[in-house]
Amino acid sequence: MLLVAGSIELYGHRWAVEANLRNLKQTLGMDILRTKSLDNILKELSMFLLVYNLVRLVMPKASQEQDVPLERIRFADALRWL
């Protein structure tokens, strides 16, 4: 039974990682990089990660202000709010 519980927990972590990657790729538009040189690609990736982390930083505050669980705050909504 312990193996099943561990698998469920691992699946939950995998789901969270996939949701975060989806937010980066689709919501922020990182599915297509617009630059060609390595230096500019690194800058572009840095900006995507900066914006992603800023949105994730705001989400707990929005959760508190709206008095709802953090899981109910959507990444896209927090991005629009910013």
PDB file of N, CA and C in Angstrom:
ATOM      1  N   MET A   1       0.823  -1.195   0.000  1.00  0.00           N
ATOM      2  CA  MET A   1       0.000   0.000   0.000  1.00  0.00           C
ATOM      3  C   MET A   1       0.865   1.255   0.000  1.00  0.00           C
ATOM      4  N   LEU A   2       2.033   1.159   0.633  1.00  0.00           N
ATOM      5  CA  LEU A   2       2.946   2.298   0.686  1.00  0.00           C
ATOM      6  C   LEU A   2       3.406   2.682  -0.721  1.00  0.00           C
ATOM      7  N   LEU A   3       3.626   1.688  -1.556  1.00  0.00           N
ATOM      8  CA  LEU A   3       4.052   1.947  -2.926  1.00  0.00           C
ATOM      9  C   LEU A   3       2.985   2.720  -3.693  1.00  0.00           C
ATOM     10  N   VAL A   4       1.721   2.396  -3.504  1.00  0.00           N
ATOM     11  CA  VAL A   4       0.622   3.090  -4.167  1.00  0.00           C
ATOM     12  C   VAL A   4       0.553   4.539  -3.696  1.00  0.00           C
ATOM     13  N   ALA A   5       0.670   4.772  -2.395  1.00  0.00           N
ATOM     14  CA  ALA A   5       0.631   6.135  -1.861  1.00  0.00           C
ATOM     15  C   ALA A   5       1.787   6.951  -2.410  1.00  0.00           C
ATOM     16  N   GLY A   6       2.976   6.350  -2.497  1.00  0.00           N
ATOM     17  CA  GLY A   6       4.133   7.042  -3.064  1.00  0.00           C
ATOM     18  C   GLY A   6       3.927   7.370  -4.532  1.00  0.00           C
ATOM     19  N   SER A   7       3.300   6.454  -5.253  1.00  0.00           N
ATOM     20  CA  SER A   7       3.029   6.683  -6.675  1.00  0.00           C
ATOM     21  C   SER A   7       2.047   7.822  -6.867  1.00  0.00           C
ATOM     22  N   ILE A   8       1.041   7.892  -6.007  1.00  0.00           N
ATOM     23  CA  ILE A   8       0.046   8.971  -6.096  1.00  0.00           C
ATOM     24  C   ILE A   8       0.712  10.310  -5.813  1.00  0.00           C
ATOM     25  N   GLU A   9       1.571  10.337  -4.801  1.00  0.00           N
ATOM     26  CA  GLU A   9       2.284  11.579  -4.472  1.00  0.00           C
ATOM     27  C   GLU A   9       3.203  11.992  -5.615  1.00  0.00           C
ATOM     28  N   LEU A  10       3.908  11.027  -6.192  1.00  0.00           N
ATOM     29  CA  LEU A  10       4.800  11.306  -7.313  1.00  0.00           C
ATOM     30  C   LEU A  10       4.010  11.823  -8.518  1.00  0.00           C
ATOM     31  N   TYR A  11       2.852  11.231  -8.783  1.00  0.00           N
ATOM     32  CA  TYR A  11       2.001  11.687  -9.883  1.00  0.00           C
ATOM     33  C   TYR A  11       1.553  13.131  -9.651  1.00  0.00           C
ATOM     34  N   GLY A  12       1.233  13.476  -8.399  1.00  0.00           N
ATOM     35  CA  GLY A  12       0.849  14.850  -8.076  1.00  0.00           C
ATOM     36  C   GLY A  12       1.973  15.831  -8.368  1.00  0.00           C
ATOM     37  N   HIS A  13       3.199  15.450  -8.035  1.00  0.00           N
ATOM     38  CA  HIS A  13       4.354  16.312  -8.328  1.00  0.00           C
ATOM     39  C   HIS A  13       4.554  16.455  -9.840  1.00  0.00           C
ATOM     40  N   ARG A  14       4.400  15.338 -10.554  1.00  0.00           N
ATOM     41  CA  ARG A  14       4.556  15.378 -12.013  1.00  0.00           C
ATOM     42  C   ARG A  14       3.501  16.309 -12.632  1.00  0.00           C
ATOM     43  N   TRP A  15       2.272  16.214 -12.146  1.00  0.00           N
ATOM     44  CA  TRP A  15       1.200  17.060 -12.657  1.00  0.00           C
ATOM     45  C   TRP A  15       1.540  18.537 -12.447  1.00  0.00           C
ATOM     46  N   ALA A  16       2.077  18.875 -11.279  1.00  0.00           N
ATOM     47  CA  ALA A  16       2.443  20.266 -10.986  1.00  0.00           C
ATOM     48  C   ALA A  16       3.549  20.741 -11.920  1.00  0.00           C
ATOM     49  N   VAL A  17       4.534  19.891 -12.180  1.00  0.00           N
ATOM     50  CA  VAL A  17       5.622  20.266 -13.091  1.00  0.00           C
ATOM     51  C   VAL A  17       5.078  20.503 -14.492  1.00  0.00           C
ATOM     52  N   GLU A  18       4.204  19.621 -14.951  1.00  0.00           N
ATOM     53  CA  GLU A  18       3.634  19.778 -16.290  1.00  0.00           C
ATOM     54  C   GLU A  18       2.779  21.037 -16.385  1.00  0.00           C
ATOM     55  N   ALA A  19       2.041  21.353 -15.343  1.00  0.00           N
ATOM     56  CA  ALA A  19       1.231  22.577 -15.342  1.00  0.00           C
ATOM     57  C   ALA A  19       2.131  23.812 -15.388  1.00  0.00           C
ATOM     58  N   ASN A  20       3.233  23.786 -14.654  1.00  0.00           N
ATOM     59  CA  ASN A  20       4.157  24.920 -14.672  1.00  0.00           C
ATOM     60  C   ASN A  20       4.827  25.078 -16.032  1.00  0.00           C
ATOM     61  N   LEU A  21       5.190  23.980 -16.662  1.00  0.00           N
ATOM     62  CA  LEU A  21       5.766  24.061 -18.009  1.00  0.00           C
ATOM     63  C   LEU A  21       4.741  24.594 -19.004  1.00  0.00           C
ATOM     64  N   ARG A  22       3.485  24.179 -18.853  1.00  0.00           N
ATOM     65  CA  ARG A  22       2.420  24.682 -19.730  1.00  0.00           C
ATOM     66  C   ARG A  22       2.275  26.191 -19.558  1.00  0.00           C
ATOM     67  N   ASN A  23       2.357  26.664 -18.305  1.00  0.00           N
ATOM     68  CA  ASN A  23       2.267  28.106 -18.065  1.00  0.00           C
ATOM     69  C   ASN A  23       3.405  28.852 -18.750  1.00  0.00           C
ATOM     70  N   LEU A  24       4.591  28.295 -18.683  1.00  0.00           N
ATOM     71  CA  LEU A  24       5.731  28.933 -19.356  1.00  0.00           C
ATOM     72  C   LEU A  24       5.544  28.932 -20.873  1.00  0.00           C
ATOM     73  N   LYS A  25       5.178  27.786 -21.415  1.00  0.00           N
ATOM     74  CA  LYS A  25       5.121  27.652 -22.866  1.00  0.00           C
ATOM     75  C   LYS A  25       3.907  28.333 -23.478  1.00  0.00           C
ATOM     76  N   GLN A  26       2.739  28.095 -22.949  1.00  0.00           N
ATOM     77  CA  GLN A  26       1.526  28.599 -23.582  1.00  0.00           C
ATOM     78  C   GLN A  26       1.118  29.965 -23.056  1.00  0.00           C
ATOM     79  N   THR A  27       1.009  30.100 -21.750  1.00  0.00           N
ATOM     80  CA  THR A  27       0.503  31.343 -21.180  1.00  0.00           C
ATOM     81  C   THR A  27       1.475  32.495 -21.400  1.00  0.00           C
ATOM     82  N   LEU A  28       2.776  32.230 -21.224  1.00  0.00           N
ATOM     83  CA  LEU A  28       3.771  33.291 -21.429  1.00  0.00           C
ATOM     84  C   LEU A  28       4.284  33.345 -22.864  1.00  0.00           C
ATOM     85  N   GLY A  29       3.954  32.364 -23.670  1.00  0.00           N
ATOM     86  CA  GLY A  29       4.367  32.375 -25.072  1.00  0.00           C
ATOM     87  C   GLY A  29       5.794  31.909 -25.301  1.00  0.00           C
ATOM     88  N   MET A  30       6.313  31.085 -24.409  1.00  0.00           N
ATOM     89  CA  MET A  30       7.687  30.631 -24.551  1.00  0.00           C
ATOM     90  C   MET A  30       7.813  29.433 -25.493  1.00  0.00           C
ATOM     91  N   ASP A  31       6.711  29.015 -26.093  1.00  0.00           N
ATOM     92  CA  ASP A  31       6.783  27.871 -26.996  1.00  0.00           C
ATOM     93  C   ASP A  31       7.580  28.187 -28.255  1.00  0.00           C
ATOM     94  N   ILE A  32       7.706  29.472 -28.585  1.00  0.00           N
ATOM     95  CA  ILE A  32       8.502  29.895 -29.743  1.00  0.00           C
ATOM     96  C   ILE A  32       9.468  30.976 -29.282  1.00  0.00           C
ATOM     97  N   LEU A  33      10.759  30.681 -29.370  1.00  0.00           N
ATOM     98  CA  LEU A  33      11.762  31.699 -29.050  1.00  0.00           C
ATOM     99  C   LEU A  33      11.956  32.567 -30.283  1.00  0.00           C
ATOM    100  N   ARG A  34      12.082  33.861 -30.073  1.00  0.00           N
ATOM    101  CA  ARG A  34      12.114  34.796 -31.192  1.00  0.00           C
ATOM    102  C   ARG A  34      13.516  35.227 -31.606  1.00  0.00           C
ATOM    103  N   THR A  35      14.515  34.778 -30.883  1.00  0.00           N
ATOM    104  CA  THR A  35      15.885  35.187 -31.184  1.00  0.00           C
ATOM    105  C   THR A  35      16.688  33.999 -31.691  1.00  0.00           C
ATOM    106  N   LYS A  36      17.836  34.292 -32.290  1.00  0.00           N
ATOM    107  CA  LYS A  36      18.653  33.229 -32.890  1.00  0.00           C
ATOM    108  C   LYS A  36      19.987  33.034 -32.184  1.00  0.00           C
ATOM    109  N   SER A  37      20.609  34.110 -31.716  1.00  0.00           N
ATOM    110  CA  SER A  37      21.935  33.975 -31.122  1.00  0.00           C
ATOM    111  C   SER A  37      21.827  33.412 -29.709  1.00  0.00           C
ATOM    112  N   LEU A  38      22.850  32.694 -29.291  1.00  0.00           N
ATOM    113  CA  LEU A  38      22.855  32.083 -27.973  1.00  0.00           C
ATOM    114  C   LEU A  38      22.707  33.128 -26.875  1.00  0.00           C
ATOM    115  N   ASP A  39      23.397  34.242 -27.006  1.00  0.00           N
ATOM    116  CA  ASP A  39      23.328  35.300 -25.993  1.00  0.00           C
ATOM    117  C   ASP A  39      21.899  35.829 -25.855  1.00  0.00           C
ATOM    118  N   ASN A  40      21.243  36.076 -26.974  1.00  0.00           N
ATOM    119  CA  ASN A  40      19.875  36.589 -26.929  1.00  0.00           C
ATOM    120  C   ASN A  40      18.875  35.539 -26.456  1.00  0.00           C
ATOM    121  N   ILE A  41      19.125  34.268 -26.785  1.00  0.00           N
ATOM    122  CA  ILE A  41      18.255  33.191 -26.302  1.00  0.00           C
ATOM    123  C   ILE A  41      18.327  33.130 -24.781  1.00  0.00           C
ATOM    124  N   LEU A  42      19.533  33.237 -24.228  1.00  0.00           N
ATOM    125  CA  LEU A  42      19.682  33.226 -22.772  1.00  0.00           C
ATOM    126  C   LEU A  42      18.981  34.420 -22.136  1.00  0.00           C
ATOM    127  N   LYS A  43      19.056  35.581 -22.774  1.00  0.00           N
ATOM    128  CA  LYS A  43      18.343  36.762 -22.261  1.00  0.00           C
ATOM    129  C   LYS A  43      16.834  36.549 -22.303  1.00  0.00           C
ATOM    130  N   GLU A  44      16.365  35.995 -23.410  1.00  0.00           N
ATOM    131  CA  GLU A  44      14.930  35.763 -23.561  1.00  0.00           C
ATOM    132  C   GLU A  44      14.426  34.760 -22.513  1.00  0.00           C
ATOM    133  N   LEU A  45      15.165  33.671 -22.321  1.00  0.00           N
ATOM    134  CA  LEU A  45      14.785  32.690 -21.307  1.00  0.00           C
ATOM    135  C   LEU A  45      14.801  33.313 -19.915  1.00  0.00           C
ATOM    136  N   SER A  46      15.787  34.147 -19.644  1.00  0.00           N
ATOM    137  CA  SER A  46      15.860  34.825 -18.343  1.00  0.00           C
ATOM    138  C   SER A  46      14.641  35.697 -18.108  1.00  0.00           C
ATOM    139  N   MET A  47      14.188  36.382 -19.128  1.00  0.00           N
ATOM    140  CA  MET A  47      13.011  37.241 -18.982  1.00  0.00           C
ATOM    141  C   MET A  47      11.752  36.413 -18.737  1.00  0.00           C
ATOM    142  N   PHE A  48      11.619  35.300 -19.454  1.00  0.00           N
ATOM    143  CA  PHE A  48      10.465  34.424 -19.216  1.00  0.00           C
ATOM    144  C   PHE A  48      10.458  33.932 -17.773  1.00  0.00           C
ATOM    145  N   LEU A  49      11.617  33.504 -17.289  1.00  0.00           N
ATOM    146  CA  LEU A  49      11.697  32.998 -15.915  1.00  0.00           C
ATOM    147  C   LEU A  49      11.461  34.101 -14.893  1.00  0.00           C
ATOM    148  N   LEU A  50      11.919  35.291 -15.188  1.00  0.00           N
ATOM    149  CA  LEU A  50      11.682  36.424 -14.289  1.00  0.00           C
ATOM    150  C   LEU A  50      10.185  36.720 -14.177  1.00  0.00           C
ATOM    151  N   VAL A  51       9.503  36.788 -15.303  1.00  0.00           N
ATOM    152  CA  VAL A  51       8.059  37.057 -15.304  1.00  0.00           C
ATOM    153  C   VAL A  51       7.316  35.913 -14.622  1.00  0.00           C
ATOM    154  N   TYR A  52       7.705  34.672 -14.925  1.00  0.00           N
ATOM    155  CA  TYR A  52       7.058  33.515 -14.304  1.00  0.00           C
ATOM    156  C   TYR A  52       7.175  33.598 -12.780  1.00  0.00           C
ATOM    157  N   ASN A  53       8.377  33.865 -12.286  1.00  0.00           N
ATOM    158  CA  ASN A  53       8.583  33.935 -10.837  1.00  0.00           C
ATOM    159  C   ASN A  53       7.844  35.117 -10.216  1.00  0.00           C
ATOM    160  N   LEU A  54       7.745  36.215 -10.922  1.00  0.00           N
ATOM    161  CA  LEU A  54       6.996  37.365 -10.419  1.00  0.00           C
ATOM    162  C   LEU A  54       5.513  37.007 -10.260  1.00  0.00           C
ATOM    163  N   VAL A  55       4.960  36.343 -11.262  1.00  0.00           N
ATOM    164  CA  VAL A  55       3.556  35.931 -11.190  1.00  0.00           C
ATOM    165  C   VAL A  55       3.356  34.954 -10.034  1.00  0.00           C
ATOM    166  N   ARG A  56       4.257  33.973  -9.905  1.00  0.00           N
ATOM    167  CA  ARG A  56       4.138  32.996  -8.819  1.00  0.00           C
ATOM    168  C   ARG A  56       4.278  33.659  -7.451  1.00  0.00           C
ATOM    169  N   LEU A  57       5.039  34.735  -7.380  1.00  0.00           N
ATOM    170  CA  LEU A  57       5.210  35.473  -6.131  1.00  0.00           C
ATOM    171  C   LEU A  57       3.926  36.198  -5.729  1.00  0.00           C
ATOM    172  N   VAL A  58       3.174  36.658  -6.713  1.00  0.00           N
ATOM    173  CA  VAL A  58       1.947  37.408  -6.468  1.00  0.00           C
ATOM    174  C   VAL A  58       0.775  36.478  -6.113  1.00  0.00           C
ATOM    175  N   MET A  59       0.815  35.262  -6.570  1.00  0.00           N
ATOM    176  CA  MET A  59      -0.311  34.348  -6.388  1.00  0.00           C
ATOM    177  C   MET A  59      -0.686  34.111  -4.916  1.00  0.00           C
ATOM    178  N   PRO A  60       0.254  33.892  -3.992  1.00  0.00           N
ATOM    179  CA  PRO A  60      -0.159  33.720  -2.586  1.00  0.00           C
ATOM    180  C   PRO A  60      -0.825  34.972  -2.005  1.00  0.00           C
ATOM    181  N   LYS A  61      -0.353  36.143  -2.398  1.00  0.00           N
ATOM    182  CA  LYS A  61      -0.961  37.382  -1.918  1.00  0.00           C
ATOM    183  C   LYS A  61      -2.397  37.497  -2.432  1.00  0.00           C
ATOM    184  N   ALA A  62      -2.605  37.165  -3.692  1.00  0.00           N
ATOM    185  CA  ALA A  62      -3.955  37.194  -4.262  1.00  0.00           C
ATOM    186  C   ALA A  62      -4.850  36.192  -3.531  1.00  0.00           C
ATOM    187  N   SER A  63      -4.290  35.045  -3.192  1.00  0.00           N
ATOM    188  CA  SER A  63      -5.040  34.028  -2.453  1.00  0.00           C
ATOM    189  C   SER A  63      -5.490  34.563  -1.100  1.00  0.00           C
ATOM    190  N   GLN A  64      -4.596  35.241  -0.412  1.00  0.00           N
ATOM    191  CA  GLN A  64      -4.943  35.803   0.898  1.00  0.00           C
ATOM    192  C   GLN A  64      -5.981  36.908   0.771  1.00  0.00           C
ATOM    193  N   GLU A  65      -5.778  37.810  -0.184  1.00  0.00           N
ATOM    194  CA  GLU A  65      -6.704  38.939  -0.341  1.00  0.00           C
ATOM    195  C   GLU A  65      -8.096  38.486  -0.731  1.00  0.00           C
ATOM    196  N   GLN A  66      -8.177  37.435  -1.525  1.00  0.00           N
ATOM    197  CA  GLN A  66      -9.478  36.946  -1.960  1.00  0.00           C
ATOM    198  C   GLN A  66     -10.035  35.882  -1.012  1.00  0.00           C
ATOM    199  N   ASP A  67      -9.246  35.505  -0.028  1.00  0.00           N
ATOM    200  CA  ASP A  67      -9.627  34.504   0.962  1.00  0.00           C
ATOM    201  C   ASP A  67     -10.069  33.194   0.301  1.00  0.00           C
ATOM    202  N   VAL A  68      -9.238  32.733  -0.627  1.00  0.00           N
ATOM    203  CA  VAL A  68      -9.463  31.448  -1.295  1.00  0.00           C
ATOM    204  C   VAL A  68      -8.171  30.642  -1.227  1.00  0.00           C
ATOM    205  N   PRO A  69      -8.268  29.327  -1.347  1.00  0.00           N
ATOM    206  CA  PRO A  69      -7.041  28.515  -1.356  1.00  0.00           C
ATOM    207  C   PRO A  69      -6.159  28.874  -2.559  1.00  0.00           C
ATOM    208  N   LEU A  70      -4.860  28.759  -2.380  1.00  0.00           N
ATOM    209  CA  LEU A  70      -3.906  29.083  -3.447  1.00  0.00           C
ATOM    210  C   LEU A  70      -4.181  28.285  -4.724  1.00  0.00           C
ATOM    211  N   GLU A  71      -4.649  27.056  -4.557  1.00  0.00           N
ATOM    212  CA  GLU A  71      -4.919  26.193  -5.721  1.00  0.00           C
ATOM    213  C   GLU A  71      -6.007  26.774  -6.633  1.00  0.00           C
ATOM    214  N   ARG A  72      -6.825  27.688  -6.105  1.00  0.00           N
ATOM    215  CA  ARG A  72      -7.906  28.277  -6.904  1.00  0.00           C
ATOM    216  C   ARG A  72      -7.441  29.480  -7.711  1.00  0.00           C
ATOM    217  N   ILE A  73      -6.228  29.971  -7.445  1.00  0.00           N
ATOM    218  CA  ILE A  73      -5.687  31.112  -8.181  1.00  0.00           C
ATOM    219  C   ILE A  73      -5.009  30.588  -9.434  1.00  0.00           C
ATOM    220  N   ARG A  74      -5.519  30.980 -10.572  1.00  0.00           N
ATOM    221  CA  ARG A  74      -4.943  30.528 -11.844  1.00  0.00           C
ATOM    222  C   ARG A  74      -3.778  31.413 -12.249  1.00  0.00           C
ATOM    223  N   PHE A  75      -2.765  30.793 -12.816  1.00  0.00           N
ATOM    224  CA  PHE A  75      -1.578  31.511 -13.274  1.00  0.00           C
ATOM    225  C   PHE A  75      -1.956  32.602 -14.276  1.00  0.00           C
ATOM    226  N   ALA A  76      -2.793  32.268 -15.230  1.00  0.00           N
ATOM    227  CA  ALA A  76      -3.187  33.217 -16.275  1.00  0.00           C
ATOM    228  C   ALA A  76      -3.910  34.429 -15.669  1.00  0.00           C
ATOM    229  N   ASP A  77      -4.745  34.201 -14.672  1.00  0.00           N
ATOM    230  CA  ASP A  77      -5.454  35.309 -14.025  1.00  0.00           C
ATOM    231  C   ASP A  77      -4.486  36.218 -13.266  1.00  0.00           C
ATOM    232  N   ALA A  78      -3.516  35.603 -12.576  1.00  0.00           N
ATOM    233  CA  ALA A  78      -2.523  36.402 -11.858  1.00  0.00           C
ATOM    234  C   ALA A  78      -1.670  37.199 -12.838  1.00  0.00           C
ATOM    235  N   LEU A  79      -1.353  36.619 -13.984  1.00  0.00           N
ATOM    236  CA  LEU A  79      -0.583  37.318 -15.013  1.00  0.00           C
ATOM    237  C   LEU A  79      -1.373  38.526 -15.532  1.00  0.00           C
ATOM    238  N   ARG A  80      -2.655  38.331 -15.815  1.00  0.00           N
ATOM    239  CA  ARG A  80      -3.494  39.444 -16.278  1.00  0.00           C
ATOM    240  C   ARG A  80      -3.575  40.542 -15.237  1.00  0.00           C
ATOM    241  N   TRP A  81      -3.663  40.153 -13.961  1.00  0.00           N
ATOM    242  CA  TRP A  81      -3.744  41.136 -12.879  1.00  0.00           C
ATOM    243  C   TRP A  81      -2.480  41.991 -12.830  1.00  0.00           C
ATOM    244  N   LEU A  82      -1.328  41.373 -13.060  1.00  0.00           N
ATOM    245  CA  LEU A  82      -0.075  42.131 -13.062  1.00  0.00           C
ATOM    246  C   LEU A  82      -0.037  43.090 -14.232  1.00  0.00           C
TER     247      LEU A  82
END
